[in-house]
């Protein structure tokens, strides 16, 4: 039989995951970015 093997799941290395998490952790929460002020 000629068939293609299933795709392999490859996890990112812990070093890359930490580098990706740092900018995310330094950003404000989405609900804190919105300011609501009373209308004039």
PDB file of N, CA and C in Angstrom:
ATOM      1  N   UNK A   1       0.830  -1.185   0.000  1.00  0.00           N
ATOM      2  CA  UNK A   1       0.000   0.000   0.000  1.00  0.00           C
ATOM      3  C   UNK A   1       0.870   1.242   0.000  1.00  0.00           C
ATOM      4  N   UNK A   2       0.497   2.182  -0.786  1.00  0.00           N
ATOM      5  CA  UNK A   2       1.183   3.467  -0.798  1.00  0.00           C
ATOM      6  C   UNK A   2       0.255   4.504  -0.176  1.00  0.00           C
ATOM      7  N   UNK A   3       0.636   4.973   0.970  1.00  0.00           N
ATOM      8  CA  UNK A   3      -0.170   6.000   1.627  1.00  0.00           C
ATOM      9  C   UNK A   3       0.747   6.961   2.374  1.00  0.00           C
ATOM     10  N   UNK A   4       0.228   8.132   2.640  1.00  0.00           N
ATOM     11  CA  UNK A   4       0.984   9.141   3.364  1.00  0.00           C
ATOM     12  C   UNK A   4       0.785   8.917   4.856  1.00  0.00           C
ATOM     13  N   UNK A   5       1.859   8.932   5.635  1.00  0.00           N
ATOM     14  CA  UNK A   5       1.705   8.753   7.080  1.00  0.00           C
ATOM     15  C   UNK A   5       0.995   9.965   7.689  1.00  0.00           C
ATOM     16  N   UNK A   6       0.353   9.797   8.819  1.00  0.00           N
ATOM     17  CA  UNK A   6      -0.322  10.930   9.455  1.00  0.00           C
ATOM     18  C   UNK A   6       0.683  11.992   9.895  1.00  0.00           C
ATOM     19  N   UNK A   7       0.220  13.225   9.953  1.00  0.00           N
ATOM     20  CA  UNK A   7       1.092  14.325  10.368  1.00  0.00           C
ATOM     21  C   UNK A   7       1.499  14.142  11.821  1.00  0.00           C
ATOM     22  N   UNK A   8       2.721  14.552  12.119  1.00  0.00           N
ATOM     23  CA  UNK A   8       3.213  14.455  13.489  1.00  0.00           C
ATOM     24  C   UNK A   8       2.974  15.774  14.209  1.00  0.00           C
ATOM     25  N   UNK A   9       2.599  15.699  15.466  1.00  0.00           N
ATOM     26  CA  UNK A   9       2.439  16.892  16.285  1.00  0.00           C
ATOM     27  C   UNK A   9       3.790  17.228  16.890  1.00  0.00           C
ATOM     28  N   UNK A  10       4.230  18.442  16.649  1.00  0.00           N
ATOM     29  CA  UNK A  10       5.524  18.875  17.177  1.00  0.00           C
ATOM     30  C   UNK A  10       5.272  20.034  18.130  1.00  0.00           C
ATOM     31  N   UNK A  11       5.701  19.898  19.355  1.00  0.00           N
ATOM     32  CA  UNK A  11       5.539  20.959  20.341  1.00  0.00           C
ATOM     33  C   UNK A  11       6.699  21.932  20.234  1.00  0.00           C
ATOM     34  N   UNK A  12       6.407  23.191  20.529  1.00  0.00           N
ATOM     35  CA  UNK A  12       7.464  24.195  20.558  1.00  0.00           C
ATOM     36  C   UNK A  12       8.350  23.936  21.771  1.00  0.00           C
ATOM     37  N   UNK A  13       9.600  24.317  21.651  1.00  0.00           N
ATOM     38  CA  UNK A  13      10.511  24.113  22.775  1.00  0.00           C
ATOM     39  C   UNK A  13      10.120  25.039  23.925  1.00  0.00           C
ATOM     40  N   UNK A  14      10.398  24.663  25.158  1.00  0.00           N
ATOM     41  CA  UNK A  14      10.060  25.519  26.301  1.00  0.00           C
ATOM     42  C   UNK A  14      10.681  26.907  26.194  1.00  0.00           C
ATOM     43  N   UNK A  15      11.883  26.988  25.620  1.00  0.00           N
ATOM     44  CA  UNK A  15      12.555  28.282  25.462  1.00  0.00           C
ATOM     45  C   UNK A  15      11.724  29.205  24.575  1.00  0.00           C
ATOM     46  N   UNK A  16      11.199  28.688  23.476  1.00  0.00           N
ATOM     47  CA  UNK A  16      10.389  29.508  22.578  1.00  0.00           C
ATOM     48  C   UNK A  16       9.060  29.877  23.217  1.00  0.00           C
ATOM     49  N   UNK A  17       8.499  28.983  24.013  1.00  0.00           N
ATOM     50  CA  UNK A  17       7.221  29.276  24.664  1.00  0.00           C
ATOM     51  C   UNK A  17       7.387  30.393  25.693  1.00  0.00           C
ATOM     52  N   UNK A  18       8.507  30.418  26.410  1.00  0.00           N
ATOM     53  CA  UNK A  18       8.757  31.478  27.388  1.00  0.00           C
ATOM     54  C   UNK A  18       8.939  32.806  26.671  1.00  0.00           C
ATOM     55  N   UNK A  19       9.681  32.800  25.564  1.00  0.00           N
ATOM     56  CA  UNK A  19       9.889  34.043  24.813  1.00  0.00           C
ATOM     57  C   UNK A  19       8.577  34.588  24.275  1.00  0.00           C
ATOM     58  N   UNK A  20       7.647  33.726  23.911  1.00  0.00           N
ATOM     59  CA  UNK A  20       6.349  34.176  23.406  1.00  0.00           C
ATOM     60  C   UNK A  20       5.456  34.661  24.540  1.00  0.00           C
ATOM     61  N   UNK A  21       5.637  34.138  25.745  1.00  0.00           N
ATOM     62  CA  UNK A  21       4.773  34.496  26.869  1.00  0.00           C
ATOM     63  C   UNK A  21       5.134  35.847  27.474  1.00  0.00           C
ATOM     64  N   UNK A  22       6.383  36.256  27.390  1.00  0.00           N
ATOM     65  CA  UNK A  22       6.807  37.507  28.025  1.00  0.00           C
ATOM     66  C   UNK A  22       6.066  38.721  27.454  1.00  0.00           C
ATOM     67  N   UNK A  23       6.002  38.924  26.129  1.00  0.00           N
ATOM     68  CA  UNK A  23       5.245  40.084  25.628  1.00  0.00           C
ATOM     69  C   UNK A  23       3.762  40.000  25.972  1.00  0.00           C
ATOM     70  N   UNK A  24       3.212  38.822  25.992  1.00  0.00           N
ATOM     71  CA  UNK A  24       1.798  38.659  26.327  1.00  0.00           C
ATOM     72  C   UNK A  24       1.554  39.042  27.779  1.00  0.00           C
ATOM     73  N   UNK A  25       2.451  38.675  28.664  1.00  0.00           N
ATOM     74  CA  UNK A  25       2.286  38.977  30.084  1.00  0.00           C
ATOM     75  C   UNK A  25       2.448  40.464  30.362  1.00  0.00           C
ATOM     76  N   UNK A  26       3.217  41.186  29.537  1.00  0.00           N
ATOM     77  CA  UNK A  26       3.435  42.606  29.786  1.00  0.00           C
ATOM     78  C   UNK A  26       2.331  43.477  29.203  1.00  0.00           C
ATOM     79  N   UNK A  27       1.459  42.932  28.356  1.00  0.00           N
ATOM     80  CA  UNK A  27       0.343  43.696  27.803  1.00  0.00           C
ATOM     81  C   UNK A  27      -0.783  43.771  28.820  1.00  0.00           C
ATOM     82  N   UNK A  28      -1.499  44.902  28.844  1.00  0.00           N
ATOM     83  CA  UNK A  28      -2.639  44.975  29.767  1.00  0.00           C
ATOM     84  C   UNK A  28      -3.752  44.025  29.343  1.00  0.00           C
ATOM     85  N   UNK A  29      -4.568  43.668  30.292  1.00  0.00           N
ATOM     86  CA  UNK A  29      -5.702  42.796  30.001  1.00  0.00           C
ATOM     87  C   UNK A  29      -6.616  43.487  28.991  1.00  0.00           C
ATOM     88  N   UNK A  30      -7.275  42.723  28.114  1.00  0.00           N
ATOM     89  CA  UNK A  30      -8.155  43.348  27.118  1.00  0.00           C
ATOM     90  C   UNK A  30      -9.244  44.226  27.733  1.00  0.00           C
ATOM     91  N   UNK A  31      -9.790  43.825  28.881  1.00  0.00           N
ATOM     92  CA  UNK A  31     -10.851  44.635  29.476  1.00  0.00           C
ATOM     93  C   UNK A  31     -10.311  45.892  30.141  1.00  0.00           C
ATOM     94  N   UNK A  32      -9.020  45.989  30.326  1.00  0.00           N
ATOM     95  CA  UNK A  32      -8.437  47.196  30.919  1.00  0.00           C
ATOM     96  C   UNK A  32      -8.024  48.203  29.856  1.00  0.00           C
ATOM     97  N   UNK A  33      -8.046  47.840  28.597  1.00  0.00           N
ATOM     98  CA  UNK A  33      -7.665  48.759  27.528  1.00  0.00           C
ATOM     99  C   UNK A  33      -8.795  49.720  27.180  1.00  0.00           C
ATOM    100  N   UNK A  34     -10.016  49.368  27.522  1.00  0.00           N
ATOM    101  CA  UNK A  34     -11.179  50.157  27.150  1.00  0.00           C
ATOM    102  C   UNK A  34     -11.557  51.081  28.298  1.00  0.00           C
ATOM    103  N   UNK A  35     -11.635  52.366  28.001  1.00  0.00           N
ATOM    104  CA  UNK A  35     -12.070  53.327  29.017  1.00  0.00           C
ATOM    105  C   UNK A  35     -13.468  53.792  28.670  1.00  0.00           C
ATOM    106  N   UNK A  36     -14.325  53.807  29.650  1.00  0.00           N
ATOM    107  CA  UNK A  36     -15.693  54.284  29.463  1.00  0.00           C
ATOM    108  C   UNK A  36     -15.831  55.580  30.234  1.00  0.00           C
ATOM    109  N   UNK A  37     -16.215  56.637  29.526  1.00  0.00           N
ATOM    110  CA  UNK A  37     -16.406  57.935  30.170  1.00  0.00           C
ATOM    111  C   UNK A  37     -17.836  58.390  29.920  1.00  0.00           C
ATOM    112  N   UNK A  38     -18.418  59.116  30.864  1.00  0.00           N
ATOM    113  CA  UNK A  38     -19.791  59.583  30.660  1.00  0.00           C
ATOM    114  C   UNK A  38     -19.856  60.593  29.517  1.00  0.00           C
ATOM    115  N   UNK A  39     -20.964  60.583  28.797  1.00  0.00           N
ATOM    116  CA  UNK A  39     -21.158  61.527  27.698  1.00  0.00           C
ATOM    117  C   UNK A  39     -21.341  62.940  28.216  1.00  0.00           C
ATOM    118  N   UNK A  40     -21.079  63.908  27.360  1.00  0.00           N
ATOM    119  CA  UNK A  40     -21.214  65.309  27.788  1.00  0.00           C
ATOM    120  C   UNK A  40     -22.525  65.889  27.342  1.00  0.00           C
TER     121      UNK A  40
END
